[in-house]
């Protein structure tokens, strides 16, 4: 059975929502075990096999979302759109589910560990939620113009450069505080030491977020927004 385009949107949405609930459920279990009084920094020490499992879970989650994009799309732009769409829906639903079950986060400014690869990302919950909204917007622009007969969305090189630049700046804002913490607590010789992994682990359980680099985040956010506006204008010109 070949699904129509609106049916693909429905099923990708269902998958992303289900995955957000699934991921949220795992976190509910982890917090019941390690944070019975509620999640807060600094982190509670975990067994190495639990930490490794968490890293693997995050990695395979990306592959799951990427797989959906590849299956649902017919060309690169469509696959990219479905990937970022499912990622964004997953991320938003993840927080909605945690709020329903645990009444966490207490507010959109509550700090969270956003990702662990390749280094720990931290920031207030509102930051990834705002980024997810941009991702949904870009995906829906590509989806909308792909619905037009005989039209294939192709993001130009300059548009890709703008989107990648904005994404890199946002990524930097997410790792800024944690990276600053590591550099303040590790010497140059320790960075080259064979026991670096153990030292990083010991430091991670002492880390308490201090400040989020809003200037970096908002700079990247608006650069991405401008890139999305260029994609929309470019697509509109091609069909007019």
Protein backbone atom coordinates (compact mmCIF):
# COMPACT_ATOMS: atom_id res chain seq x y z
CA UNK A 1 0.00 0.00 0.00
CA UNK A 2 1.37 3.41 -1.02
CA UNK A 3 0.58 6.15 1.47
CA UNK A 4 -0.57 9.54 0.31
CA UNK A 5 1.41 12.59 1.39
CA UNK A 6 -1.05 13.64 4.11
CA UNK A 7 -1.06 10.05 5.41
CA UNK A 8 2.74 10.13 5.66
CA UNK A 9 2.46 13.30 7.75
CA UNK A 10 -0.03 11.61 10.08
CA UNK A 11 2.03 8.45 10.56
CA UNK A 12 5.35 10.25 11.00
CA UNK A 13 3.62 12.43 13.62
CA UNK A 14 2.25 9.36 15.40
CA UNK A 15 5.70 7.76 15.41
CA UNK A 16 7.36 10.90 16.78
CA UNK A 17 4.71 11.31 19.50
CA UNK A 18 5.03 7.64 20.50
CA UNK A 19 8.81 7.92 20.56
CA UNK A 20 8.65 11.02 22.75
CA UNK A 21 6.44 9.16 25.22
CA UNK A 22 8.72 6.10 25.04
CA UNK A 23 11.85 8.17 25.74
CA UNK A 24 10.06 10.04 28.50
CA UNK A 25 9.10 6.74 30.12
CA UNK A 26 12.75 5.67 30.27
CA UNK A 27 13.60 8.95 32.02
CA UNK A 28 10.73 8.43 34.49
CA UNK A 29 12.27 5.08 35.45
CA UNK A 30 15.78 6.55 35.75
CA UNK A 31 14.60 9.40 37.93
CA UNK A 32 12.64 7.03 40.17
CA UNK A 33 15.89 5.10 40.71
CA UNK A 34 18.40 7.92 40.95
CA UNK A 35 16.37 11.05 41.75
CA UNK A 36 13.48 9.96 44.02
CA UNK A 37 13.31 13.50 45.47
CA UNK A 38 13.25 15.09 42.02
CA UNK A 39 15.89 15.85 39.39
CA UNK A 40 18.48 18.51 40.16
CA UNK A 41 22.14 19.32 39.63
CA UNK A 42 24.78 18.12 40.43
CA UNK A 43 24.20 14.73 38.86
CA UNK A 44 23.94 11.59 40.95
CA UNK A 45 26.75 9.08 40.20
CA UNK A 46 25.62 6.20 38.00
CA UNK A 47 27.20 2.84 37.25
CA UNK A 48 29.39 2.85 34.17
CA UNK A 49 27.15 0.38 32.34
CA UNK A 50 24.16 2.68 32.92
CA UNK A 51 26.07 5.66 31.52
CA UNK A 52 27.20 3.66 28.48
CA UNK A 53 23.64 2.44 27.95
CA UNK A 54 22.39 6.04 28.01
CA UNK A 55 24.95 7.07 25.40
CA UNK A 56 23.94 4.16 23.19
CA UNK A 57 20.24 4.99 23.67
CA UNK A 58 20.79 8.56 22.51
CA UNK A 59 22.77 7.42 19.48
CA UNK A 60 20.22 4.84 18.35
CA UNK A 61 17.41 7.35 18.92
CA UNK A 62 19.01 9.51 16.23
CA UNK A 63 19.21 6.50 13.90
CA UNK A 64 15.54 5.74 14.52
CA UNK A 65 14.53 9.29 13.57
CA UNK A 66 16.86 9.26 10.58
CA UNK A 67 15.39 5.94 9.43
CA UNK A 68 11.87 7.40 9.48
CA UNK A 69 13.05 10.33 7.39
CA UNK A 70 14.68 8.04 4.83
CA UNK A 71 11.59 5.81 4.59
CA UNK A 72 9.07 8.66 4.42
CA UNK A 73 10.93 10.89 1.94
CA UNK A 74 11.49 10.42 -1.77
CA UNK A 75 14.46 12.75 -2.16
CA UNK A 76 17.07 14.39 0.05
CA UNK A 77 15.04 17.48 0.96
CA UNK A 78 11.99 15.40 1.88
CA UNK A 79 14.06 12.99 3.96
CA UNK A 80 15.74 15.90 5.72
CA UNK A 81 12.34 17.50 6.37
CA UNK A 82 10.83 14.34 7.86
CA UNK A 83 13.92 13.81 10.00
CA UNK A 84 13.87 17.28 11.58
CA UNK A 85 10.07 17.19 11.87
CA UNK A 86 10.05 13.89 13.76
CA UNK A 87 13.00 15.06 15.89
CA UNK A 88 11.18 18.26 16.87
CA UNK A 89 7.86 16.55 17.67
CA UNK A 90 9.71 13.90 19.68
CA UNK A 91 11.54 16.55 21.70
CA UNK A 92 8.42 18.59 22.51
CA UNK A 93 6.31 15.54 23.41
CA UNK A 94 9.16 14.26 25.61
CA UNK A 95 8.89 17.35 27.81
CA UNK A 96 5.08 17.37 27.73
CA UNK A 97 5.03 13.74 28.91
CA UNK A 98 7.51 14.42 31.73
CA UNK A 99 5.42 17.39 32.86
CA UNK A 100 2.24 15.28 32.89
CA UNK A 101 3.84 12.39 34.82
CA UNK A 102 6.38 14.16 37.04
CA UNK A 103 5.21 17.78 36.89
CA UNK A 104 8.70 18.54 35.60
CA UNK A 105 10.01 20.87 34.27
CA UNK A 106 8.69 23.34 36.80
CA UNK A 107 9.00 26.09 34.17
CA UNK A 108 10.39 26.59 30.69
CA UNK A 109 13.50 28.10 32.29
CA UNK A 110 14.30 24.89 34.20
CA UNK A 111 17.76 23.56 33.31
CA UNK A 112 18.10 20.12 31.76
CA UNK A 113 20.71 17.87 30.23
CA UNK A 114 19.73 18.10 26.58
CA UNK A 115 22.14 15.61 25.03
CA UNK A 116 25.32 13.73 25.88
CA UNK A 117 27.05 13.34 22.51
CA UNK A 118 29.78 14.24 21.68
CA UNK A 119 29.87 16.30 24.90
CA UNK A 120 27.24 17.18 27.48
CA UNK A 121 24.67 19.75 26.28
CA UNK A 122 22.80 21.76 28.90
CA UNK A 123 20.35 24.62 28.88
CA UNK A 124 16.90 25.80 29.93
CA UNK A 125 14.04 23.72 28.50
CA UNK A 126 12.69 26.65 26.49
CA UNK A 127 15.81 26.67 24.27
CA UNK A 128 15.35 23.23 22.63
CA UNK A 129 11.58 23.84 22.47
CA UNK A 130 12.11 27.08 20.51
CA UNK A 131 14.58 25.30 18.25
CA UNK A 132 12.06 22.50 17.69
CA UNK A 133 9.46 25.04 16.57
CA UNK A 134 11.91 26.32 13.94
CA UNK A 135 12.57 22.75 12.80
CA UNK A 136 8.85 22.08 12.40
CA UNK A 137 8.47 25.34 10.45
CA UNK A 138 11.24 24.44 8.00
CA UNK A 139 9.91 20.90 7.60
CA UNK A 140 6.39 22.18 6.89
CA UNK A 141 7.70 24.65 4.29
CA UNK A 142 9.42 21.80 2.47
CA UNK A 143 6.32 19.63 2.87
CA UNK A 144 4.01 22.39 1.59
CA UNK A 145 6.01 23.11 -1.55
CA UNK A 146 6.54 19.42 -2.25
CA UNK A 147 2.75 19.10 -2.42
CA UNK A 148 2.82 21.35 -5.45
CA UNK A 149 2.65 19.28 -8.63
CA UNK A 150 5.95 18.69 -10.42
CA UNK A 151 7.87 20.71 -7.83
CA UNK A 152 10.89 19.44 -5.97
CA UNK A 153 12.26 21.54 -3.11
CA UNK A 154 16.00 21.99 -3.34
CA UNK A 155 17.77 24.00 -0.66
CA UNK A 156 20.50 26.12 -2.23
CA UNK A 157 24.12 26.07 -1.13
CA UNK A 158 23.91 29.52 0.49
CA UNK A 159 20.75 28.48 2.34
CA UNK A 160 22.51 25.37 3.63
CA UNK A 161 25.46 27.49 4.78
CA UNK A 162 23.14 29.82 6.70
CA UNK A 163 21.26 26.93 8.33
CA UNK A 164 24.48 25.09 9.23
CA UNK A 165 26.09 28.26 10.61
CA UNK A 166 23.05 28.99 12.79
CA UNK A 167 22.93 25.37 13.97
CA UNK A 168 26.61 25.41 14.90
CA UNK A 169 26.18 28.60 16.93
CA UNK A 170 23.17 27.11 18.74
CA UNK A 171 25.16 23.94 19.43
CA UNK A 172 27.98 26.07 20.86
CA UNK A 173 25.51 27.80 23.20
CA UNK A 174 24.35 24.41 24.51
CA UNK A 175 27.88 23.21 25.34
CA UNK A 176 29.22 26.62 26.41
CA UNK A 177 28.61 26.41 30.16
CA UNK A 178 29.72 22.78 30.54
CA UNK A 179 32.84 23.32 28.40
CA UNK A 180 33.76 26.39 30.46
CA UNK A 181 33.35 24.31 33.62
CA UNK A 182 35.68 21.59 32.28
CA UNK A 183 38.34 24.06 31.12
CA UNK A 184 38.28 25.78 34.50
CA UNK A 185 38.84 22.48 36.29
CA UNK A 186 41.27 20.69 33.98
CA UNK A 187 44.84 21.68 33.20
CA UNK A 188 46.43 21.24 29.79
CA UNK A 189 48.47 18.29 31.05
CA UNK A 190 45.31 16.62 32.44
CA UNK A 191 43.63 16.92 29.02
CA UNK A 192 46.41 14.71 27.63
CA UNK A 193 46.41 12.30 30.55
CA UNK A 194 45.43 8.66 30.06
CA UNK A 195 43.00 8.94 32.96
CA UNK A 196 41.10 11.78 31.26
CA UNK A 197 37.89 9.73 30.96
CA UNK A 198 37.82 9.02 34.68
CA UNK A 199 38.51 12.66 35.47
CA UNK A 200 35.71 13.81 33.16
CA UNK A 201 33.33 11.40 34.88
CA UNK A 202 34.31 12.65 38.32
CA UNK A 203 33.91 16.27 37.21
CA UNK A 204 30.51 15.64 35.60
CA UNK A 205 28.98 14.71 38.94
CA UNK A 206 30.18 18.04 40.39
CA UNK A 207 28.84 20.20 37.56
CA UNK A 208 26.14 22.73 38.41
CA UNK A 209 24.97 25.02 35.55
CA UNK A 210 25.74 28.68 36.14
CA UNK A 211 24.61 30.65 33.12
CA UNK A 212 23.18 30.03 29.66
CA UNK A 213 24.74 31.99 26.81
CA UNK A 214 21.55 33.58 25.50
CA UNK A 215 23.48 35.88 23.15
CA UNK A 216 24.97 32.90 21.33
CA UNK A 217 21.70 30.97 21.32
CA UNK A 218 19.56 33.84 20.03
CA UNK A 219 22.19 34.72 17.41
CA UNK A 220 22.09 31.15 16.08
CA UNK A 221 18.29 31.01 16.43
CA UNK A 222 17.74 34.10 14.29
CA UNK A 223 20.34 33.02 11.72
CA UNK A 224 18.42 29.76 11.32
CA UNK A 225 15.17 31.74 11.10
CA UNK A 226 16.66 33.91 8.32
CA UNK A 227 17.80 30.76 6.52
CA UNK A 228 14.26 29.36 6.71
CA UNK A 229 12.89 32.66 5.35
CA UNK A 230 15.31 32.41 2.41
CA UNK A 231 14.18 28.84 1.72
CA UNK A 232 10.54 29.96 1.72
CA UNK A 233 11.21 32.93 -0.58
CA UNK A 234 13.28 30.76 -2.93
CA UNK A 235 10.56 28.09 -3.16
CA UNK A 236 7.82 30.67 -3.68
CA UNK A 237 9.73 32.27 -6.54
CA UNK A 238 10.15 28.93 -8.29
CA UNK A 239 6.42 28.18 -8.38
CA UNK A 240 5.22 31.71 -9.15
